[in-house]
Amino acid sequence: MNEPTLAHESTDERVDDPNDADTNDTVPANGSQGGPTDAPAAPEAVDMDALLETIEYIRPALQADGGDLVLLGVDGGTVNLQMVGACGGCPMSMMTLKAGIERIMFDRVAGVTEVNAI
C-alpha cells in the first residue's frame, strides 16, 4: 500500500535544511559571521505624536474605573508612566499595564520597546 505524500514533501527534490550536519559552516578569517546582523541596529525613536494619541485613546477606559495615567517620560524605547487614582493601588494594575497598555502601545506607537509604571 502506498503511503500518502504530504503537500510539502517532495520525493524528487531535496530541500536544504539549515540544521543539516552536511552544510558547510565556514567562518571568515576575521571571525565575523557576516550578514546584516553584524552592526547593531540603531533604536527607532518613539513617535511622540502617536504616543500622546494612544494615551488619549487608553485614558477613558482607565477613567471609567476611577483611575488614570500620567506620562512621566520616554527613555530610548521605554515609556515611563504613573498609574494614578484607583489604578495606583489596584492589585491588577500591572496586568492592565502589561496586557493592556503595553500591548496597545506596541501596536500603535513606533519605537516603543517597553512600558514601565513608576
C-alpha atoms as a PDB file:
ATOM      1  CA  MET A   1       0.000   0.000   0.000  1.00  0.00           C
ATOM      2  CA  ASN A   2       1.365   3.431  -0.909  1.00  0.00           C
ATOM      3  CA  GLU A   3       1.752   5.948   1.887  1.00  0.00           C
ATOM      4  CA  PRO A   4       0.249   9.383   1.212  1.00  0.00           C
ATOM      5  CA  THR A   5       2.691  12.167   0.432  1.00  0.00           C
ATOM      6  CA  LEU A   6       2.136  15.430   2.268  1.00  0.00           C
ATOM      7  CA  ALA A   7       1.855  18.592   0.182  1.00  0.00           C
ATOM      8  CA  HIS A   8       5.168  19.955   1.475  1.00  0.00           C
ATOM      9  CA  GLU A   9       7.034  16.682   0.928  1.00  0.00           C
ATOM     10  CA  SER A  10       8.754  16.129  -2.359  1.00  0.00           C
ATOM     11  CA  THR A  11      10.120  12.814  -3.492  1.00  0.00           C
ATOM     12  CA  ASP A  12      12.077  14.345  -6.394  1.00  0.00           C
ATOM     13  CA  GLU A  13      13.960  17.270  -4.895  1.00  0.00           C
ATOM     14  CA  ARG A  14      15.926  17.880  -1.718  1.00  0.00           C
ATOM     15  CA  VAL A  15      15.265  20.933   0.437  1.00  0.00           C
ATOM     16  CA  ASP A  16      18.281  22.334   2.254  1.00  0.00           C
ATOM     17  CA  ASP A  17      17.849  22.048   5.998  1.00  0.00           C
ATOM     18  CA  PRO A  18      19.755  24.715   7.969  1.00  0.00           C
ATOM     19  CA  ASN A  19      20.191  22.166  10.756  1.00  0.00           C
ATOM     20  CA  ASP A  20      21.659  19.547   8.426  1.00  0.00           C
ATOM     21  CA  ALA A  21      25.124  18.410   9.517  1.00  0.00           C
ATOM     22  CA  ASP A  22      26.300  18.281   5.899  1.00  0.00           C
ATOM     23  CA  THR A  23      26.222  22.058   5.451  1.00  0.00           C
ATOM     24  CA  ASN A  24      29.474  23.980   5.169  1.00  0.00           C
ATOM     25  CA  ASP A  25      29.745  26.254   8.241  1.00  0.00           C
ATOM     26  CA  THR A  26      32.860  28.253   7.498  1.00  0.00           C
ATOM     27  CA  VAL A  27      33.693  31.466   9.325  1.00  0.00           C
ATOM     28  CA  PRO A  28      35.680  34.241   7.643  1.00  0.00           C
ATOM     29  CA  ALA A  29      39.246  34.774   8.861  1.00  0.00           C
ATOM     30  CA  ASN A  30      38.229  37.937  10.743  1.00  0.00           C
ATOM     31  CA  GLY A  31      35.845  35.897  12.925  1.00  0.00           C
ATOM     32  CA  SER A  32      32.751  37.709  11.653  1.00  0.00           C
ATOM     33  CA  GLN A  33      29.652  35.688  10.924  1.00  0.00           C
ATOM     34  CA  GLY A  34      28.801  38.115   8.110  1.00  0.00           C
ATOM     35  CA  GLY A  35      25.331  39.264   7.141  1.00  0.00           C
ATOM     36  CA  PRO A  36      23.170  42.214   8.115  1.00  0.00           C
ATOM     37  CA  THR A  37      23.201  41.394  11.857  1.00  0.00           C
ATOM     38  CA  ASP A  38      26.858  42.392  12.335  1.00  0.00           C
ATOM     39  CA  ALA A  39      26.150  46.026  13.196  1.00  0.00           C
ATOM     40  CA  PRO A  40      23.584  46.662  15.905  1.00  0.00           C
ATOM     41  CA  ALA A  41      20.544  48.440  14.547  1.00  0.00           C
ATOM     42  CA  ALA A  42      20.018  51.963  15.772  1.00  0.00           C
ATOM     43  CA  PRO A  43      16.977  52.081  18.028  1.00  0.00           C
ATOM     44  CA  GLU A  44      13.959  53.646  16.402  1.00  0.00           C
ATOM     45  CA  ALA A  45      12.872  56.893  18.045  1.00  0.00           C
ATOM     46  CA  VAL A  46       9.487  56.817  19.749  1.00  0.00           C
ATOM     47  CA  ASP A  47       6.841  58.625  17.720  1.00  0.00           C
ATOM     48  CA  MET A  48       5.715  61.139  20.357  1.00  0.00           C
ATOM     49  CA  ASP A  49       2.597  62.254  18.464  1.00  0.00           C
ATOM     50  CA  ALA A  50       1.402  58.655  18.185  1.00  0.00           C
ATOM     51  CA  LEU A  51       2.295  58.080  21.861  1.00  0.00           C
ATOM     52  CA  LEU A  52       0.212  61.027  23.056  1.00  0.00           C
ATOM     53  CA  GLU A  53      -2.701  59.997  20.796  1.00  0.00           C
ATOM     54  CA  THR A  54      -2.507  56.453  22.163  1.00  0.00           C
ATOM     55  CA  ILE A  55      -2.539  57.676  25.769  1.00  0.00           C
ATOM     56  CA  GLU A  56      -5.680  59.687  24.974  1.00  0.00           C
ATOM     57  CA  TYR A  57      -7.153  56.539  23.380  1.00  0.00           C
ATOM     58  CA  ILE A  58      -6.440  54.446  26.521  1.00  0.00           C
ATOM     59  CA  ARG A  59      -7.322  57.085  29.134  1.00  0.00           C
ATOM     60  CA  PRO A  60     -11.181  56.827  29.004  1.00  0.00           C
ATOM     61  CA  ALA A  61     -11.081  53.113  29.860  1.00  0.00           C
ATOM     62  CA  LEU A  62      -8.957  53.807  32.943  1.00  0.00           C
ATOM     63  CA  GLN A  63     -11.051  56.811  33.953  1.00  0.00           C
ATOM     64  CA  ALA A  64     -14.226  54.721  33.755  1.00  0.00           C
ATOM     65  CA  ASP A  65     -12.825  52.658  36.658  1.00  0.00           C
ATOM     66  CA  GLY A  66     -11.653  55.699  38.643  1.00  0.00           C
ATOM     67  CA  GLY A  67      -8.035  55.663  37.502  1.00  0.00           C
ATOM     68  CA  ASP A  68      -5.784  57.465  35.083  1.00  0.00           C
ATOM     69  CA  LEU A  69      -2.220  57.505  33.834  1.00  0.00           C
ATOM     70  CA  VAL A  70       0.436  60.182  33.628  1.00  0.00           C
ATOM     71  CA  LEU A  71       3.277  60.152  31.097  1.00  0.00           C
ATOM     72  CA  LEU A  72       6.488  60.701  33.051  1.00  0.00           C
ATOM     73  CA  GLY A  73       8.824  60.487  30.089  1.00  0.00           C
ATOM     74  CA  VAL A  74      10.458  58.370  27.434  1.00  0.00           C
ATOM     75  CA  ASP A  75      13.958  56.920  27.725  1.00  0.00           C
ATOM     76  CA  GLY A  76      15.046  55.347  24.465  1.00  0.00           C
ATOM     77  CA  GLY A  77      12.193  52.984  23.619  1.00  0.00           C
ATOM     78  CA  THR A  78      10.992  52.755  27.233  1.00  0.00           C
ATOM     79  CA  VAL A  79       7.838  54.664  28.125  1.00  0.00           C
ATOM     80  CA  ASN A  80       7.559  55.531  31.831  1.00  0.00           C
ATOM     81  CA  LEU A  81       4.056  56.036  33.177  1.00  0.00           C
ATOM     82  CA  GLN A  82       2.487  56.635  36.563  1.00  0.00           C
ATOM     83  CA  MET A  83      -0.789  54.897  37.338  1.00  0.00           C
ATOM     84  CA  VAL A  84      -2.914  57.221  39.492  1.00  0.00           C
ATOM     85  CA  GLY A  85      -6.309  57.213  41.183  1.00  0.00           C
ATOM     86  CA  ALA A  86      -7.864  53.781  41.598  1.00  0.00           C
ATOM     87  CA  CYS A  87      -5.181  52.346  39.279  1.00  0.00           C
ATOM     88  CA  GLY A  88      -2.412  53.466  41.629  1.00  0.00           C
ATOM     89  CA  GLY A  89      -3.339  50.995  44.362  1.00  0.00           C
ATOM     90  CA  CYS A  90      -5.093  48.342  42.316  1.00  0.00           C
ATOM     91  CA  PRO A  91      -3.592  44.839  42.558  1.00  0.00           C
ATOM     92  CA  MET A  92      -4.430  44.302  38.867  1.00  0.00           C
ATOM     93  CA  SER A  93      -2.631  47.448  37.679  1.00  0.00           C
ATOM     94  CA  MET A  94       0.444  45.526  36.481  1.00  0.00           C
ATOM     95  CA  MET A  95      -1.755  43.237  34.388  1.00  0.00           C
ATOM     96  CA  THR A  96      -3.522  46.299  32.978  1.00  0.00           C
ATOM     97  CA  LEU A  97      -0.136  47.832  32.213  1.00  0.00           C
ATOM     98  CA  LYS A  98       1.460  44.820  30.516  1.00  0.00           C
ATOM     99  CA  ALA A  99      -1.503  43.044  28.904  1.00  0.00           C
ATOM    100  CA  GLY A 100      -3.406  46.200  28.022  1.00  0.00           C
ATOM    101  CA  ILE A 101      -1.466  49.441  27.843  1.00  0.00           C
ATOM    102  CA  GLU A 102       1.869  47.980  26.685  1.00  0.00           C
ATOM    103  CA  ARG A 103       0.229  45.760  24.049  1.00  0.00           C
ATOM    104  CA  ILE A 104      -1.744  48.696  22.645  1.00  0.00           C
ATOM    105  CA  MET A 105       1.368  50.895  22.570  1.00  0.00           C
ATOM    106  CA  PHE A 106       3.385  48.201  20.768  1.00  0.00           C
ATOM    107  CA  ASP A 107       0.657  48.041  18.123  1.00  0.00           C
ATOM    108  CA  ARG A 108       0.148  51.779  17.688  1.00  0.00           C
ATOM    109  CA  VAL A 109       3.414  53.570  18.523  1.00  0.00           C
ATOM    110  CA  ALA A 110       6.606  53.123  16.532  1.00  0.00           C
ATOM    111  CA  GLY A 111       9.756  52.773  18.628  1.00  0.00           C
ATOM    112  CA  VAL A 112       8.176  51.605  21.902  1.00  0.00           C
ATOM    113  CA  THR A 113      10.059  48.592  23.305  1.00  0.00           C
ATOM    114  CA  GLU A 114       8.831  48.599  26.910  1.00  0.00           C
ATOM    115  CA  VAL A 115       6.290  50.323  29.154  1.00  0.00           C
ATOM    116  CA  ASN A 116       7.026  50.764  32.873  1.00  0.00           C
ATOM    117  CA  ALA A 117       4.888  52.041  35.731  1.00  0.00           C
ATOM    118  CA  ILE A 118       6.888  54.115  38.191  1.00  0.00           C
END
